[in-house]
Amino acid sequence: MALYVYAIVAEDHPASVEDMSGVGSESAPVRVLASGPLRAVVSDISEEIRPKRRDLLIHQEVQERLMRGGPVLPLQFGYTAPDEATVEEVLRRDADGYLAQLERLDGCAEYHVRASQDEDRLLRRILRETPEAQELNERIRSGEEDPQLPLALGQLVAAQVRERQEDLAAGLVEALVPFARDHSVRRASGDDFLNFSLLVPDERKQDFLTAQTRLAQEVKDDVELRLVGPLPPYSFVQ
């Protein structure tokens, strides 16, 4: 039977999941599959797993339970294997690499930071603080019919938005990275101009949270800084 694979842990991890039910409509028990110095946390499935809310929550609950027992290599939602032999072979073949990753992640959790700005406020500030933008805007408002004026203003403002947000993002990352063992900056989407994750050791957790709170207060007039965590270290599993 096919297996849904939640995570990989070391053989000394308690993996206390025997009371948990897994993903899928039939919801088989979550169990541990051993191979050498590693364990895979799995459950049987008989269907294709889709990202439904219930199954996403179950996947996350298993990860959070495992995190309480020690380091874990969480797999992204939806990872399946055709049978136990396949999982056991992967664990045997890549055991040294998995053990090294578990050692690196030991005592750490992931925190996710996103930042966004009020677009209208930012545009007004750019028009107020940039002489060239002021001039173009005044010429448009005075009735000049040159069709290049709106294009030039739009390009100038877009460049200013990009430059200012890149500088802001770099400053925010620089302020928080010293508290992390590792970090990963990803492409921001939607209204966000910053999207990054930090791997924070337990002994730096409180210092990190204090610094993040202080930073959020310092930039609150211009930036909405949002923090999610602690999370399983998805972004740092290689």
Protein backbone atom coordinates (compact mmCIF):
# COMPACT_ATOMS: atom_id res chain seq x y z
CA MET A 1 0.00 0.00 0.00
CA ALA A 2 1.12 3.56 -0.70
CA LEU A 3 2.41 5.69 2.15
CA TYR A 4 2.05 9.34 2.98
CA VAL A 5 5.34 10.55 4.49
CA TYR A 6 5.24 13.38 7.06
CA ALA A 7 8.80 13.65 8.29
CA ILE A 8 12.13 12.00 9.03
CA VAL A 9 13.57 11.76 12.55
CA ALA A 10 16.50 10.02 14.23
CA GLU A 11 16.12 6.62 15.89
CA ASP A 12 16.28 8.16 19.38
CA HIS A 13 13.38 10.53 18.71
CA PRO A 14 10.31 9.54 20.78
CA ALA A 15 7.99 10.02 17.75
CA SER A 16 4.91 9.89 19.97
CA VAL A 17 2.30 9.74 17.22
CA GLU A 18 0.57 6.46 18.00
CA ASP A 19 -2.67 8.23 18.95
CA MET A 20 -2.85 10.32 15.76
CA SER A 21 -4.87 9.68 12.62
CA GLY A 22 -3.42 10.55 9.25
CA VAL A 23 -4.47 12.36 6.11
CA GLY A 24 -7.02 11.05 3.63
CA SER A 25 -10.69 10.13 3.76
CA GLU A 26 -9.98 6.79 5.44
CA SER A 27 -7.57 8.36 7.93
CA ALA A 28 -5.19 5.49 8.76
CA PRO A 29 -3.13 5.64 11.99
CA VAL A 30 0.12 7.58 11.90
CA ARG A 31 3.03 5.24 12.53
CA VAL A 32 6.81 5.00 12.48
CA LEU A 33 8.82 3.12 9.88
CA ALA A 34 12.39 2.28 10.98
CA SER A 35 15.47 1.92 8.82
CA GLY A 36 18.94 1.94 10.38
CA PRO A 37 19.57 5.14 12.40
CA LEU A 38 16.48 6.89 11.00
CA ARG A 39 12.71 6.76 11.26
CA ALA A 40 10.09 7.93 8.78
CA VAL A 41 6.72 9.02 10.15
CA VAL A 42 4.04 7.76 7.77
CA SER A 43 0.44 6.67 7.35
CA ASP A 44 -1.20 4.40 4.78
CA ILE A 45 -3.20 6.00 1.98
CA SER A 46 -5.36 4.60 -0.79
CA GLU A 47 -6.05 7.80 -2.74
CA GLU A 48 -4.40 10.84 -4.23
CA ILE A 49 -3.96 13.46 -1.50
CA ARG A 50 -5.09 16.99 -2.32
CA PRO A 51 -4.51 20.09 -0.19
CA LYS A 52 -7.84 20.15 1.63
CA ARG A 53 -8.03 22.15 4.84
CA ARG A 54 -8.54 19.07 7.03
CA ASP A 55 -5.52 17.26 5.60
CA LEU A 56 -3.33 20.36 5.75
CA LEU A 57 -4.18 20.70 9.45
CA ILE A 58 -3.41 17.04 10.12
CA HIS A 59 -0.07 17.34 8.34
CA GLN A 60 0.84 20.38 10.44
CA GLU A 61 -0.34 18.77 13.69
CA VAL A 62 1.94 15.79 13.09
CA GLN A 63 4.89 18.12 12.49
CA GLU A 64 4.18 20.12 15.64
CA ARG A 65 3.91 16.96 17.74
CA LEU A 66 7.24 15.74 16.40
CA MET A 67 8.91 19.11 17.02
CA ARG A 68 8.20 18.76 20.73
CA GLY A 69 10.28 15.59 20.83
CA GLY A 70 13.43 16.77 19.11
CA PRO A 71 14.81 17.73 15.70
CA VAL A 72 12.71 16.81 12.69
CA LEU A 73 13.05 16.98 8.92
CA PRO A 74 9.50 17.96 7.88
CA LEU A 75 8.39 17.07 4.37
CA GLN A 76 6.18 19.43 2.42
CA PHE A 77 2.51 18.53 2.20
CA GLY A 78 1.71 15.85 -0.37
CA TYR A 79 4.84 13.67 -0.33
CA THR A 80 3.97 10.01 -0.98
CA ALA A 81 5.86 6.78 -1.60
CA PRO A 82 4.60 3.64 -3.34
CA ASP A 83 5.49 1.26 -0.50
CA GLU A 84 7.53 0.72 2.67
CA ALA A 85 10.50 -0.70 0.78
CA THR A 86 10.91 2.56 -1.15
CA VAL A 87 10.95 4.64 2.03
CA GLU A 88 13.39 2.26 3.74
CA GLU A 89 15.73 2.40 0.75
CA VAL A 90 15.75 6.21 0.72
CA LEU A 91 16.53 6.29 4.44
CA ARG A 92 19.39 3.81 4.04
CA ARG A 93 20.85 5.49 0.95
CA ASP A 94 20.81 9.03 2.31
CA ALA A 95 21.27 8.32 6.01
CA ASP A 96 24.45 10.37 6.48
CA GLY A 97 22.93 13.44 4.84
CA TYR A 98 19.71 13.21 6.85
CA LEU A 99 21.59 12.77 10.11
CA ALA A 100 23.76 15.81 9.34
CA GLN A 101 20.64 17.88 8.66
CA LEU A 102 19.01 16.72 11.89
CA GLU A 103 22.13 17.77 13.80
CA ARG A 104 22.10 21.18 12.12
CA LEU A 105 18.41 21.74 12.94
CA ASP A 106 18.61 20.47 16.51
CA GLY A 107 17.28 23.02 19.00
CA CYS A 108 15.96 25.36 16.28
CA ALA A 109 12.62 26.46 14.89
CA GLU A 110 11.62 28.43 11.82
CA TYR A 111 10.13 31.90 12.01
CA HIS A 112 8.55 33.56 9.00
CA VAL A 113 8.65 37.34 8.52
CA ARG A 114 6.67 39.33 5.97
CA ALA A 115 6.48 43.09 5.49
CA SER A 116 4.14 45.34 3.52
CA GLN A 117 3.44 49.06 3.14
CA ASP A 118 0.38 51.21 2.59
CA GLU A 119 0.73 51.94 -1.13
CA ASP A 120 -1.17 55.24 -1.15
CA ARG A 121 0.89 56.62 1.75
CA LEU A 122 4.11 55.57 0.04
CA LEU A 123 3.11 57.19 -3.25
CA ARG A 124 2.21 60.45 -1.52
CA ARG A 125 5.57 60.44 0.25
CA ILE A 126 7.43 59.90 -3.00
CA LEU A 127 5.57 62.79 -4.63
CA ARG A 128 6.32 64.99 -1.63
CA GLU A 129 10.00 64.09 -1.30
CA THR A 130 11.12 63.73 -4.94
CA PRO A 131 11.52 67.06 -6.79
CA GLU A 132 11.40 65.48 -10.24
CA ALA A 133 8.18 63.64 -9.37
CA GLN A 134 6.72 66.87 -7.98
CA GLU A 135 7.51 68.71 -11.20
CA LEU A 136 6.00 66.03 -13.43
CA ASN A 137 2.91 65.81 -11.27
CA GLU A 138 2.39 69.59 -11.33
CA ARG A 139 2.76 69.71 -15.10
CA ILE A 140 0.11 66.99 -15.48
CA ARG A 141 -2.23 68.71 -13.03
CA SER A 142 -1.80 72.07 -14.79
CA GLY A 143 -3.22 70.59 -17.97
CA GLU A 144 -0.16 69.90 -20.13
CA GLU A 145 -1.22 67.41 -22.79
CA ASP A 146 2.14 65.78 -23.44
CA PRO A 147 1.29 62.03 -23.42
CA GLN A 148 4.81 61.22 -22.22
CA LEU A 149 4.32 62.99 -18.88
CA PRO A 150 2.14 60.32 -17.17
CA LEU A 151 4.46 57.59 -18.49
CA ALA A 152 7.54 59.38 -17.18
CA LEU A 153 5.90 59.98 -13.80
CA GLY A 154 4.79 56.37 -13.54
CA GLN A 155 8.27 55.07 -14.35
CA LEU A 156 9.88 57.44 -11.87
CA VAL A 157 7.49 56.52 -9.07
CA ALA A 158 7.84 52.78 -9.78
CA ALA A 159 11.63 53.09 -9.60
CA GLN A 160 11.37 54.99 -6.33
CA VAL A 161 9.02 52.38 -4.84
CA ARG A 162 11.39 49.59 -5.82
CA GLU A 163 14.48 51.36 -4.50
CA ARG A 164 12.89 52.34 -1.20
CA GLN A 165 11.42 48.91 -0.56
CA GLU A 166 14.67 47.15 -1.43
CA ASP A 167 16.48 49.37 1.06
CA LEU A 168 13.81 48.75 3.70
CA ALA A 169 13.89 45.00 3.13
CA ALA A 170 17.69 44.91 3.41
CA GLY A 171 17.56 46.87 6.67
CA LEU A 172 14.92 44.59 8.19
CA VAL A 173 16.83 41.45 7.24
CA GLU A 174 20.08 42.91 8.58
CA ALA A 175 18.41 43.70 11.92
CA LEU A 176 17.05 40.17 12.48
CA VAL A 177 19.58 37.83 10.85
CA PRO A 178 22.10 38.05 13.74
CA PHE A 179 19.66 36.07 15.91
CA ALA A 180 19.43 33.19 13.41
CA ARG A 181 21.59 30.22 12.56
CA ASP A 182 20.46 30.46 8.95
CA HIS A 183 17.99 32.44 6.86
CA SER A 184 16.26 32.28 3.50
CA VAL A 185 14.92 35.28 1.55
CA ARG A 186 12.23 34.48 -1.02
CA ARG A 187 10.43 36.44 -3.69
CA ALA A 188 7.69 38.53 -2.10
CA SER A 189 4.18 38.45 -3.55
CA GLY A 190 0.96 40.45 -3.34
CA ASP A 191 1.32 43.60 -1.24
CA ASP A 192 4.44 42.30 0.52
CA PHE A 193 7.90 43.63 -0.28
CA LEU A 194 9.68 41.22 2.08
CA ASN A 195 9.26 37.49 2.62
CA PHE A 196 11.94 35.63 4.53
CA SER A 197 12.46 32.84 7.04
CA LEU A 198 14.93 32.48 9.88
CA LEU A 199 16.21 29.38 11.61
CA VAL A 200 16.36 30.54 15.23
CA PRO A 201 18.10 28.49 17.96
CA ASP A 202 16.09 28.04 21.16
CA GLU A 203 18.69 29.94 23.18
CA ARG A 204 18.23 33.02 20.96
CA LYS A 205 14.44 32.79 20.73
CA GLN A 206 13.60 35.41 23.36
CA ASP A 207 16.24 37.84 22.11
CA PHE A 208 14.89 37.40 18.59
CA LEU A 209 11.27 37.96 19.61
CA THR A 210 12.22 41.04 21.62
CA ALA A 211 14.17 42.47 18.69
CA GLN A 212 11.33 41.74 16.25
CA THR A 213 8.77 43.43 18.51
CA ARG A 214 11.00 46.47 18.93
CA LEU A 215 11.62 46.65 15.19
CA ALA A 216 7.89 46.39 14.43
CA GLN A 217 7.27 49.33 16.73
CA GLU A 218 10.03 51.40 15.14
CA VAL A 219 8.67 50.99 11.60
CA LYS A 220 4.93 50.81 12.34
CA ASP A 221 4.17 54.19 10.78
CA ASP A 222 5.51 53.02 7.43
CA VAL A 223 5.61 49.22 7.50
CA GLU A 224 3.41 46.36 8.68
CA LEU A 225 5.80 43.69 9.95
CA ARG A 226 4.21 40.26 10.48
CA LEU A 227 5.74 37.27 12.27
CA VAL A 228 4.65 33.63 12.22
CA GLY A 229 6.31 30.93 14.31
CA PRO A 230 7.70 28.81 15.75
CA LEU A 231 7.24 26.50 12.77
CA PRO A 232 8.77 23.24 11.60
CA PRO A 233 11.94 24.14 9.65
CA TYR A 234 10.52 23.50 6.15
CA SER A 235 12.69 26.18 4.55
CA PHE A 236 15.93 24.67 5.83
CA VAL A 237 15.54 21.03 4.82
CA GLN A 238 17.92 20.45 1.93
